[in-house]
PDB file of N, CA and C in Angstrom:
ATOM      1  N   MET A   1     -55.740   6.985  19.367  1.00  0.00           N
ATOM      2  CA  MET A   1     -55.107   6.889  18.136  1.00  0.00           C
ATOM      3  C   MET A   1     -54.073   7.329  18.041  1.00  0.00           C
ATOM      4  N   LYS A   2     -53.857   8.882  18.722  1.00  0.00           N
ATOM      5  CA  LYS A   2     -52.272   9.536  18.570  1.00  0.00           C
ATOM      6  C   LYS A   2     -51.208   8.498  19.306  1.00  0.00           C
ATOM      7  N   SER A   3     -51.770   8.067  20.383  1.00  0.00           N
ATOM      8  CA  SER A   3     -50.566   6.916  21.064  1.00  0.00           C
ATOM      9  C   SER A   3     -50.217   6.135  20.355  1.00  0.00           C
ATOM     10  N   TYR A   4     -50.819   5.053  19.773  1.00  0.00           N
ATOM     11  CA  TYR A   4     -50.759   4.268  18.728  1.00  0.00           C
ATOM     12  C   TYR A   4     -49.773   4.493  17.539  1.00  0.00           C
ATOM     13  N   VAL A   5     -50.069   5.806  16.838  1.00  0.00           N
ATOM     14  CA  VAL A   5     -49.224   6.255  15.918  1.00  0.00           C
ATOM     15  C   VAL A   5     -47.819   6.723  16.687  1.00  0.00           C
ATOM     16  N   ARG A   6     -47.822   7.395  17.320  1.00  0.00           N
ATOM     17  CA  ARG A   6     -46.508   7.450  18.028  1.00  0.00           C
ATOM     18  C   ARG A   6     -46.044   6.427  18.405  1.00  0.00           C
ATOM     19  N   ALA A   7     -46.536   5.320  19.379  1.00  0.00           N
ATOM     20  CA  ALA A   7     -45.773   3.965  19.264  1.00  0.00           C
ATOM     21  C   ALA A   7     -45.227   3.190  17.973  1.00  0.00           C
ATOM     22  N   LEU A   8     -46.150   3.453  17.095  1.00  0.00           N
ATOM     23  CA  LEU A   8     -45.849   2.716  15.700  1.00  0.00           C
ATOM     24  C   LEU A   8     -44.584   3.753  15.179  1.00  0.00           C
ATOM     25  N   LEU A   9     -44.396   4.882  14.932  1.00  0.00           N
ATOM     26  CA  LEU A   9     -43.327   5.559  14.672  1.00  0.00           C
ATOM     27  C   LEU A   9     -42.143   5.078  15.574  1.00  0.00           C
ATOM     28  N   VAL A  10     -42.212   4.925  16.754  1.00  0.00           N
ATOM     29  CA  VAL A  10     -40.951   4.864  17.684  1.00  0.00           C
ATOM     30  C   VAL A  10     -40.253   3.517  17.146  1.00  0.00           C
ATOM     31  N   ALA A  11     -41.529   2.605  16.945  1.00  0.00           N
ATOM     32  CA  ALA A  11     -41.225   0.936  16.879  1.00  0.00           C
ATOM     33  C   ALA A  11     -40.244   1.009  15.672  1.00  0.00           C
ATOM     34  N   MET A  12     -40.764   1.669  14.461  1.00  0.00           N
ATOM     35  CA  MET A  12     -40.301   1.967  13.139  1.00  0.00           C
ATOM     36  C   MET A  12     -39.018   2.248  13.376  1.00  0.00           C
ATOM     37  N   SER A  13     -38.653   3.530  13.778  1.00  0.00           N
ATOM     38  CA  SER A  13     -37.465   4.144  13.890  1.00  0.00           C
ATOM     39  C   SER A  13     -36.296   3.382  14.521  1.00  0.00           C
ATOM     40  N   THR A  14     -36.648   2.755  15.448  1.00  0.00           N
ATOM     41  CA  THR A  14     -35.758   1.771  16.301  1.00  0.00           C
ATOM     42  C   THR A  14     -35.375   0.774  15.248  1.00  0.00           C
ATOM     43  N   VAL A  15     -36.340  -0.136  14.470  1.00  0.00           N
ATOM     44  CA  VAL A  15     -35.611  -0.905  13.770  1.00  0.00           C
ATOM     45  C   VAL A  15     -34.890  -0.290  12.698  1.00  0.00           C
ATOM     46  N   VAL A  16     -35.343   0.848  11.895  1.00  0.00           N
ATOM     47  CA  VAL A  16     -34.601   1.220  10.883  1.00  0.00           C
ATOM     48  C   VAL A  16     -33.243   1.550  11.476  1.00  0.00           C
ATOM     49  N   VAL A  17     -33.007   2.526  12.736  1.00  0.00           N
ATOM     50  CA  VAL A  17     -31.397   2.710  13.229  1.00  0.00           C
ATOM     51  C   VAL A  17     -30.991   1.438  13.230  1.00  0.00           C
ATOM     52  N   GLY A  18     -31.417   0.518  14.232  1.00  0.00           N
ATOM     53  CA  GLY A  18     -30.812  -0.881  14.597  1.00  0.00           C
ATOM     54  C   GLY A  18     -30.025  -1.550  13.091  1.00  0.00           C
ATOM     55  N   GLY A  19     -30.623  -1.343  12.648  1.00  0.00           N
ATOM     56  CA  GLY A  19     -30.688  -1.869  10.934  1.00  0.00           C
ATOM     57  C   GLY A  19     -29.202  -1.340  10.320  1.00  0.00           C
ATOM     58  N   CYS A  20     -29.476   0.059  10.734  1.00  0.00           N
ATOM     59  CA  CYS A  20     -28.353   1.319  10.303  1.00  0.00           C
ATOM     60  C   CYS A  20     -26.847   0.842  10.490  1.00  0.00           C
ATOM     61  N   ALA A  21     -26.859   0.836  12.239  1.00  0.00           N
ATOM     62  CA  ALA A  21     -26.013   0.365  12.891  1.00  0.00           C
ATOM     63  C   ALA A  21     -25.537  -0.707  12.657  1.00  0.00           C
ATOM     64  N   SER A  22     -26.134  -2.049  12.450  1.00  0.00           N
ATOM     65  CA  SER A  22     -25.064  -3.086  11.964  1.00  0.00           C
ATOM     66  C   SER A  22     -24.236  -3.259  10.778  1.00  0.00           C
ATOM     67  N   MET A  23     -24.539  -1.883  10.078  1.00  0.00           N
ATOM     68  CA  MET A  23     -23.583  -1.709   8.859  1.00  0.00           C
ATOM     69  C   MET A  23     -22.702  -0.629   8.744  1.00  0.00           C
ATOM     70  N   MET A  24     -22.269  -0.275  10.120  1.00  0.00           N
ATOM     71  CA  MET A  24     -21.575   0.979  10.475  1.00  0.00           C
ATOM     72  C   MET A  24     -20.161   0.418   9.401  1.00  0.00           C
ATOM     73  N   ILE A  25     -19.361   1.706   9.015  1.00  0.00           N
ATOM     74  CA  ILE A  25     -18.648   1.814   8.166  1.00  0.00           C
ATOM     75  C   ILE A  25     -17.132   0.692   9.060  1.00  0.00           C
ATOM     76  N   GLY A  26     -16.674  -0.014   8.767  1.00  0.00           N
ATOM     77  CA  GLY A  26     -15.649  -0.727   9.686  1.00  0.00           C
ATOM     78  C   GLY A  26     -16.270  -1.866  10.051  1.00  0.00           C
ATOM     79  N   SER A  27     -17.369  -1.714  10.175  1.00  0.00           N
ATOM     80  CA  SER A  27     -17.680  -3.361  10.995  1.00  0.00           C
ATOM     81  C   SER A  27     -17.552  -4.402   9.915  1.00  0.00           C
ATOM     82  N   GLN A  28     -17.641  -5.673  10.919  1.00  0.00           N
ATOM     83  CA  GLN A  28     -17.474  -7.148  10.037  1.00  0.00           C
ATOM     84  C   GLN A  28     -18.442  -7.093   9.057  1.00  0.00           C
ATOM     85  N   PRO A  29     -19.849  -7.095   9.342  1.00  0.00           N
ATOM     86  CA  PRO A  29     -20.633  -7.229   8.312  1.00  0.00           C
ATOM     87  C   PRO A  29     -20.660  -6.013   6.993  1.00  0.00           C
ATOM     88  N   TRP A  30     -20.544  -4.991   7.405  1.00  0.00           N
ATOM     89  CA  TRP A  30     -20.237  -3.819   6.314  1.00  0.00           C
ATOM     90  C   TRP A  30     -18.898  -4.484   5.545  1.00  0.00           C
ATOM     91  N   PHE A  31     -17.617  -4.705   5.793  1.00  0.00           N
ATOM     92  CA  PHE A  31     -16.787  -5.366   5.134  1.00  0.00           C
ATOM     93  C   PHE A  31     -17.094  -6.276   4.317  1.00  0.00           C
ATOM     94  N   ASP A  32     -17.960  -7.436   4.837  1.00  0.00           N
ATOM     95  CA  ASP A  32     -18.273  -8.848   4.479  1.00  0.00           C
ATOM     96  C   ASP A  32     -19.425  -8.536   3.365  1.00  0.00           C
ATOM     97  N   GLN A  33     -20.102  -7.466   3.272  1.00  0.00           N
ATOM     98  CA  GLN A  33     -21.421  -7.276   2.340  1.00  0.00           C
ATOM     99  C   GLN A  33     -21.035  -6.056   1.578  1.00  0.00           C
ATOM    100  N   HIS A  34     -20.828  -5.228   2.036  1.00  0.00           N
ATOM    101  CA  HIS A  34     -20.626  -3.871   1.110  1.00  0.00           C
ATOM    102  C   HIS A  34     -19.825  -3.894  -0.078  1.00  0.00           C
ATOM    103  N   ASP A  35     -20.514  -3.246  -1.063  1.00  0.00           N
ATOM    104  CA  ASP A  35     -19.157  -3.144  -2.102  1.00  0.00           C
ATOM    105  C   ASP A  35     -18.010  -2.255  -2.107  1.00  0.00           C
ATOM    106  N   TYR A  36     -18.123  -1.653  -0.933  1.00  0.00           N
ATOM    107  CA  TYR A  36     -16.881  -0.492  -0.789  1.00  0.00           C
ATOM    108  C   TYR A  36     -16.125  -1.543   0.019  1.00  0.00           C
ATOM    109  N   GLY A  37     -16.449  -2.671   0.710  1.00  0.00           N
ATOM    110  CA  GLY A  37     -15.875  -3.258   1.649  1.00  0.00           C
ATOM    111  C   GLY A  37     -14.519  -4.437   0.925  1.00  0.00           C
ATOM    112  N   LYS A  38     -15.040  -5.743   1.118  1.00  0.00           N
ATOM    113  CA  LYS A  38     -13.769  -6.489   0.969  1.00  0.00           C
ATOM    114  C   LYS A  38     -13.988  -6.559  -0.282  1.00  0.00           C
ATOM    115  N   LYS A  39     -14.835  -6.687  -1.082  1.00  0.00           N
ATOM    116  CA  LYS A  39     -15.008  -6.913  -2.958  1.00  0.00           C
ATOM    117  C   LYS A  39     -13.870  -5.729  -3.360  1.00  0.00           C
ATOM    118  N   ALA A  40     -14.494  -4.467  -3.165  1.00  0.00           N
ATOM    119  CA  ALA A  40     -13.348  -3.499  -3.733  1.00  0.00           C
ATOM    120  C   ALA A  40     -12.069  -3.594  -2.812  1.00  0.00           C
ATOM    121  N   LEU A  41     -11.500  -3.825  -2.019  1.00  0.00           N
ATOM    122  CA  LEU A  41     -10.500  -4.379  -1.371  1.00  0.00           C
ATOM    123  C   LEU A  41      -9.825  -5.366  -2.126  1.00  0.00           C
ATOM    124  N   ALA A  42      -9.937  -6.352  -2.077  1.00  0.00           N
ATOM    125  CA  ALA A  42     -10.025  -7.384  -2.955  1.00  0.00           C
ATOM    126  C   ALA A  42      -9.489  -6.871  -4.678  1.00  0.00           C
ATOM    127  N   GLU A  43     -10.271  -6.174  -5.144  1.00  0.00           N
ATOM    128  CA  GLU A  43      -9.769  -5.636  -6.522  1.00  0.00           C
ATOM    129  C   GLU A  43      -8.676  -4.857  -6.419  1.00  0.00           C
ATOM    130  N   ARG A  44      -8.522  -4.065  -5.340  1.00  0.00           N
ATOM    131  CA  ARG A  44      -7.369  -3.181  -5.114  1.00  0.00           C
ATOM    132  C   ARG A  44      -6.318  -4.149  -4.665  1.00  0.00           C
ATOM    133  N   ALA A  45      -5.900  -4.493  -3.651  1.00  0.00           N
ATOM    134  CA  ALA A  45      -4.889  -5.497  -3.260  1.00  0.00           C
ATOM    135  C   ALA A  45      -4.569  -6.392  -4.328  1.00  0.00           C
ATOM    136  N   SER A  46      -5.436  -7.144  -5.049  1.00  0.00           N
ATOM    137  CA  SER A  46      -4.931  -7.925  -6.233  1.00  0.00           C
ATOM    138  C   SER A  46      -3.988  -7.142  -7.252  1.00  0.00           C
ATOM    139  N   PHE A  47      -4.441  -5.960  -7.513  1.00  0.00           N
ATOM    140  CA  PHE A  47      -3.513  -5.598  -8.429  1.00  0.00           C
ATOM    141  C   PHE A  47      -2.517  -5.095  -8.235  1.00  0.00           C
ATOM    142  N   ASP A  48      -2.090  -4.403  -6.541  1.00  0.00           N
ATOM    143  CA  ASP A  48      -1.050  -4.117  -5.892  1.00  0.00           C
ATOM    144  C   ASP A  48      -0.073  -5.104  -5.638  1.00  0.00           C
ATOM    145  N   LEU A  49      -0.874  -6.308  -5.270  1.00  0.00           N
ATOM    146  CA  LEU A  49       0.097  -7.521  -5.081  1.00  0.00           C
ATOM    147  C   LEU A  49       0.464  -8.278  -5.809  1.00  0.00           C
ATOM    148  N   SER A  50      -0.004  -8.052  -7.143  1.00  0.00           N
ATOM    149  CA  SER A  50       0.138  -8.974  -8.300  1.00  0.00           C
ATOM    150  C   SER A  50      -0.233 -10.309  -8.124  1.00  0.00           C
ATOM    151  N   CYS A  51      -1.539 -10.425  -7.528  1.00  0.00           N
ATOM    152  CA  CYS A  51      -2.101 -11.724  -6.667  1.00  0.00           C
ATOM    153  C   CYS A  51      -3.591 -12.084  -7.145  1.00  0.00           C
ATOM    154  N   ALA A  52      -3.746 -13.173  -7.522  1.00  0.00           N
ATOM    155  CA  ALA A  52      -5.054 -13.315  -7.809  1.00  0.00           C
ATOM    156  C   ALA A  52      -6.259 -13.071  -6.755  1.00  0.00           C
ATOM    157  N   ARG A  53      -7.355 -12.584  -6.947  1.00  0.00           N
ATOM    158  CA  ARG A  53      -8.204 -12.397  -5.967  1.00  0.00           C
ATOM    159  C   ARG A  53      -8.323 -13.762  -4.877  1.00  0.00           C
ATOM    160  N   GLU A  54      -8.463 -14.990  -5.557  1.00  0.00           N
ATOM    161  CA  GLU A  54      -8.714 -16.184  -4.680  1.00  0.00           C
ATOM    162  C   GLU A  54      -7.619 -16.395  -3.705  1.00  0.00           C
ATOM    163  N   GLN A  55      -6.476 -15.746  -3.671  1.00  0.00           N
ATOM    164  CA  GLN A  55      -5.360 -16.392  -3.123  1.00  0.00           C
ATOM    165  C   GLN A  55      -5.152 -14.815  -1.924  1.00  0.00           C
ATOM    166  N   LEU A  56      -5.970 -14.240  -2.102  1.00  0.00           N
ATOM    167  CA  LEU A  56      -5.821 -13.309  -0.794  1.00  0.00           C
ATOM    168  C   LEU A  56      -6.553 -13.477   0.280  1.00  0.00           C
ATOM    169  N   GLN A  57      -5.812 -12.850   1.288  1.00  0.00           N
ATOM    170  CA  GLN A  57      -6.280 -13.184   2.629  1.00  0.00           C
ATOM    171  C   GLN A  57      -6.508 -12.150   3.565  1.00  0.00           C
ATOM    172  N   PHE A  58      -7.571 -11.808   4.418  1.00  0.00           N
ATOM    173  CA  PHE A  58      -7.693 -10.649   4.881  1.00  0.00           C
ATOM    174  C   PHE A  58      -7.640 -10.250   6.193  1.00  0.00           C
ATOM    175  N   LEU A  59      -6.991  -9.354   7.119  1.00  0.00           N
ATOM    176  CA  LEU A  59      -7.429  -9.772   8.333  1.00  0.00           C
ATOM    177  C   LEU A  59      -7.639  -8.498   9.042  1.00  0.00           C
ATOM    178  N   CYS A  60      -8.900  -8.134   9.795  1.00  0.00           N
ATOM    179  CA  CYS A  60      -9.386  -6.685   9.760  1.00  0.00           C
ATOM    180  C   CYS A  60      -8.181  -6.467  11.385  1.00  0.00           C
ATOM    181  N   VAL A  61      -7.536  -5.059  11.145  1.00  0.00           N
ATOM    182  CA  VAL A  61      -6.212  -4.849  11.926  1.00  0.00           C
ATOM    183  C   VAL A  61      -6.907  -3.618  12.844  1.00  0.00           C
ATOM    184  N   GLY A  62      -7.698  -3.213  12.550  1.00  0.00           N
ATOM    185  CA  GLY A  62      -7.856  -1.978  13.260  1.00  0.00           C
ATOM    186  C   GLY A  62      -8.189  -1.788  14.599  1.00  0.00           C
ATOM    187  N   PRO A  63      -8.383  -0.830  15.468  1.00  0.00           N
ATOM    188  CA  PRO A  63      -8.818  -1.141  16.991  1.00  0.00           C
ATOM    189  C   PRO A  63      -9.812  -2.110  17.189  1.00  0.00           C
ATOM    190  N   GLY A  64      -9.857  -2.875  18.060  1.00  0.00           N
ATOM    191  CA  GLY A  64     -10.872  -3.521  18.256  1.00  0.00           C
ATOM    192  C   GLY A  64     -11.181  -4.856  17.179  1.00  0.00           C
ATOM    193  N   SER A  65     -10.151  -5.069  16.072  1.00  0.00           N
ATOM    194  CA  SER A  65     -10.116  -5.950  14.952  1.00  0.00           C
ATOM    195  C   SER A  65     -11.376  -5.133  14.021  1.00  0.00           C
ATOM    196  N   ASP A  66     -11.351  -3.863  14.238  1.00  0.00           N
ATOM    197  CA  ASP A  66     -12.449  -2.963  13.339  1.00  0.00           C
ATOM    198  C   ASP A  66     -11.987  -3.236  11.737  1.00  0.00           C
ATOM    199  N   CYS A  67     -12.827  -3.384  10.934  1.00  0.00           N
ATOM    200  CA  CYS A  67     -12.453  -3.790   9.791  1.00  0.00           C
ATOM    201  C   CYS A  67     -12.087  -2.256   8.614  1.00  0.00           C
ATOM    202  N   SER A  68     -11.915  -1.394   9.060  1.00  0.00           N
ATOM    203  CA  SER A  68     -11.480   0.156   8.728  1.00  0.00           C
ATOM    204  C   SER A  68      -9.951   0.012   8.379  1.00  0.00           C
ATOM    205  N   SER A  69      -9.142  -1.034   8.872  1.00  0.00           N
ATOM    206  CA  SER A  69      -7.750  -0.653   8.447  1.00  0.00           C
ATOM    207  C   SER A  69      -7.598  -2.469   8.444  1.00  0.00           C
ATOM    208  N   VAL A  70      -7.166  -2.607   7.210  1.00  0.00           N
ATOM    209  CA  VAL A  70      -6.986  -4.253   7.097  1.00  0.00           C
ATOM    210  C   VAL A  70      -5.767  -4.645   6.406  1.00  0.00           C
ATOM    211  N   GLY A  71      -5.286  -5.642   6.837  1.00  0.00           N
ATOM    212  CA  GLY A  71      -4.133  -6.464   6.335  1.00  0.00           C
ATOM    213  C   GLY A  71      -4.404  -7.281   5.426  1.00  0.00           C
ATOM    214  N   VAL A  72      -3.460  -7.629   3.913  1.00  0.00           N
ATOM    215  CA  VAL A  72      -3.921  -8.207   3.117  1.00  0.00           C
ATOM    216  C   VAL A  72      -2.654  -9.447   2.857  1.00  0.00           C
ATOM    217  N   SER A  73      -2.556 -10.368   2.278  1.00  0.00           N
ATOM    218  CA  SER A  73      -1.799 -11.267   2.586  1.00  0.00           C
ATOM    219  C   SER A  73      -2.135 -12.162   1.252  1.00  0.00           C
ATOM    220  N   GLY A  74      -1.331 -12.620   0.572  1.00  0.00           N
ATOM    221  CA  GLY A  74      -1.241 -13.385  -0.738  1.00  0.00           C
ATOM    222  C   GLY A  74      -0.264 -13.623  -1.705  1.00  0.00           C
ATOM    223  N   CYS A  75       0.522 -14.565  -2.246  1.00  0.00           N
ATOM    224  CA  CYS A  75       1.383 -14.862  -3.271  1.00  0.00           C
ATOM    225  C   CYS A  75       2.656 -14.385  -2.187  1.00  0.00           C
ATOM    226  N   ASP A  76       3.087 -14.603  -1.351  1.00  0.00           N
ATOM    227  CA  ASP A  76       4.139 -14.403  -0.520  1.00  0.00           C
ATOM    228  C   ASP A  76       4.394 -13.030  -0.425  1.00  0.00           C
ATOM    229  N   LYS A  77       3.294 -11.967  -0.285  1.00  0.00           N
ATOM    230  CA  LYS A  77       3.442 -10.619  -0.556  1.00  0.00           C
ATOM    231  C   LYS A  77       2.186 -10.467   0.593  1.00  0.00           C
ATOM    232  N   LYS A  78       2.435  -8.855   1.266  1.00  0.00           N
ATOM    233  CA  LYS A  78       1.694  -8.445   2.434  1.00  0.00           C
ATOM    234  C   LYS A  78       1.570  -7.257   2.219  1.00  0.00           C
ATOM    235  N   ALA A  79       0.248  -6.556   2.806  1.00  0.00           N
ATOM    236  CA  ALA A  79       0.222  -5.022   2.921  1.00  0.00           C
ATOM    237  C   ALA A  79      -0.913  -4.529   3.955  1.00  0.00           C
ATOM    238  N   THR A  80      -1.123  -3.473   3.825  1.00  0.00           N
ATOM    239  CA  THR A  80      -1.889  -2.754   4.984  1.00  0.00           C
ATOM    240  C   THR A  80      -2.962  -1.620   4.461  1.00  0.00           C
ATOM    241  N   TYR A  81      -4.013  -1.876   4.653  1.00  0.00           N
ATOM    242  CA  TYR A  81      -4.747  -0.967   3.954  1.00  0.00           C
ATOM    243  C   TYR A  81      -5.508   0.146   4.840  1.00  0.00           C
ATOM    244  N   GLU A  82      -6.205   1.103   4.490  1.00  0.00           N
ATOM    245  CA  GLU A  82      -7.084   1.910   5.291  1.00  0.00           C
ATOM    246  C   GLU A  82      -8.167   2.485   4.484  1.00  0.00           C
ATOM    247  N   PHE A  83      -9.566   2.219   5.057  1.00  0.00           N
ATOM    248  CA  PHE A  83     -10.496   2.751   4.354  1.00  0.00           C
ATOM    249  C   PHE A  83     -10.683   4.446   4.490  1.00  0.00           C
ATOM    250  N   VAL A  84     -10.484   5.206   3.508  1.00  0.00           N
ATOM    251  CA  VAL A  84     -10.360   6.713   4.042  1.00  0.00           C
ATOM    252  C   VAL A  84     -11.624   7.166   2.544  1.00  0.00           C
ATOM    253  N   ALA A  85     -12.412   7.764   3.048  1.00  0.00           N
ATOM    254  CA  ALA A  85     -13.309   8.616   1.755  1.00  0.00           C
ATOM    255  C   ALA A  85     -13.516   7.624   0.663  1.00  0.00           C
ATOM    256  N   ASP A  86     -14.383   6.715   1.238  1.00  0.00           N
ATOM    257  CA  ASP A  86     -14.871   5.675   0.195  1.00  0.00           C
ATOM    258  C   ASP A  86     -14.105   5.120  -0.743  1.00  0.00           C
ATOM    259  N   ARG A  87     -12.689   4.726  -0.486  1.00  0.00           N
ATOM    260  CA  ARG A  87     -11.819   3.966  -1.110  1.00  0.00           C
ATOM    261  C   ARG A  87     -10.894   3.362  -0.030  1.00  0.00           C
ATOM    262  N   TRP A  88      -9.913   2.451  -0.722  1.00  0.00           N
ATOM    263  CA  TRP A  88      -8.763   1.502   0.073  1.00  0.00           C
ATOM    264  C   TRP A  88      -7.537   2.038  -0.225  1.00  0.00           C
ATOM    265  N   VAL A  89      -6.573   2.734   0.618  1.00  0.00           N
ATOM    266  CA  VAL A  89      -5.717   3.560   0.788  1.00  0.00           C
ATOM    267  C   VAL A  89      -4.302   2.527   1.230  1.00  0.00           C
ATOM    268  N   MET A  90      -3.512   1.882   0.487  1.00  0.00           N
ATOM    269  CA  MET A  90      -2.663   1.396   0.744  1.00  0.00           C
ATOM    270  C   MET A  90      -1.680   1.995   2.029  1.00  0.00           C
ATOM    271  N   ASN A  91      -1.469   1.676   3.304  1.00  0.00           N
ATOM    272  CA  ASN A  91      -0.785   2.791   3.852  1.00  0.00           C
ATOM    273  C   ASN A  91       0.859   2.275   4.494  1.00  0.00           C
ATOM    274  N   ASN A  92       1.300   1.103   3.875  1.00  0.00           N
ATOM    275  CA  ASN A  92       2.708   1.158   3.789  1.00  0.00           C
ATOM    276  C   ASN A  92       2.990   0.451   2.417  1.00  0.00           C
ATOM    277  N   ALA A  93       4.040   0.351   1.987  1.00  0.00           N
ATOM    278  CA  ALA A  93       4.699  -0.371   0.788  1.00  0.00           C
ATOM    279  C   ALA A  93       4.433  -1.931   1.211  1.00  0.00           C
ATOM    280  N   ALA A  94       3.903  -2.425  -0.206  1.00  0.00           N
ATOM    281  CA  ALA A  94       3.868  -4.081   0.057  1.00  0.00           C
ATOM    282  C   ALA A  94       5.205  -4.523   0.142  1.00  0.00           C
ATOM    283  N   SER A  95       5.045  -5.580   1.139  1.00  0.00           N
ATOM    284  CA  SER A  95       6.479  -6.293   1.340  1.00  0.00           C
ATOM    285  C   SER A  95       6.208  -7.905   1.344  1.00  0.00           C
ATOM    286  N   ALA A  96       7.785  -8.420   1.356  1.00  0.00           N
ATOM    287  CA  ALA A  96       7.296  -9.932   1.128  1.00  0.00           C
ATOM    288  C   ALA A  96       7.143 -10.607   2.229  1.00  0.00           C
ATOM    289  N   THR A  97       6.387 -11.662   2.388  1.00  0.00           N
ATOM    290  CA  THR A  97       6.387 -12.053   3.594  1.00  0.00           C
ATOM    291  C   THR A  97       7.441 -13.121   3.973  1.00  0.00           C
ATOM    292  N   ALA A  98       7.649 -13.633   5.106  1.00  0.00           N
ATOM    293  CA  ALA A  98       8.531 -14.279   5.898  1.00  0.00           C
ATOM    294  C   ALA A  98       8.378 -15.800   5.039  1.00  0.00           C
ATOM    295  N   ALA A  99       9.595 -16.490   4.993  1.00  0.00           N
ATOM    296  CA  ALA A  99       9.556 -17.675   4.298  1.00  0.00           C
ATOM    297  C   ALA A  99       9.242 -18.667   5.411  1.00  0.00           C
ATOM    298  N   LYS A 100       8.296 -19.690   4.598  1.00  0.00           N
ATOM    299  CA  LYS A 100       7.902 -20.699   5.995  1.00  0.00           C
ATOM    300  C   LYS A 100       8.775 -21.846   6.192  1.00  0.00           C
TER     301      LYS A 100
END
């Protein structure tokens, strides 16, 4: 009986830890699904760039396409944001994008 309980606990722990790993801060699933991810960045960038959320485009630019650093463009402007201490911080001045 003890070995059955131990095996069950190990299996449950593996599932829980595996589920958490897929939502690591900066991962694409975290950015797409977490309230602190794309949703919060869209709100912040919309204000900073004076651009409707629907017109914003996002590009994960962190190491290995990590989403803890994200480039945002829209309305002929662009900026880069870093996720720091549960909030998005612009790490460069918003600039105009090149004319097409």
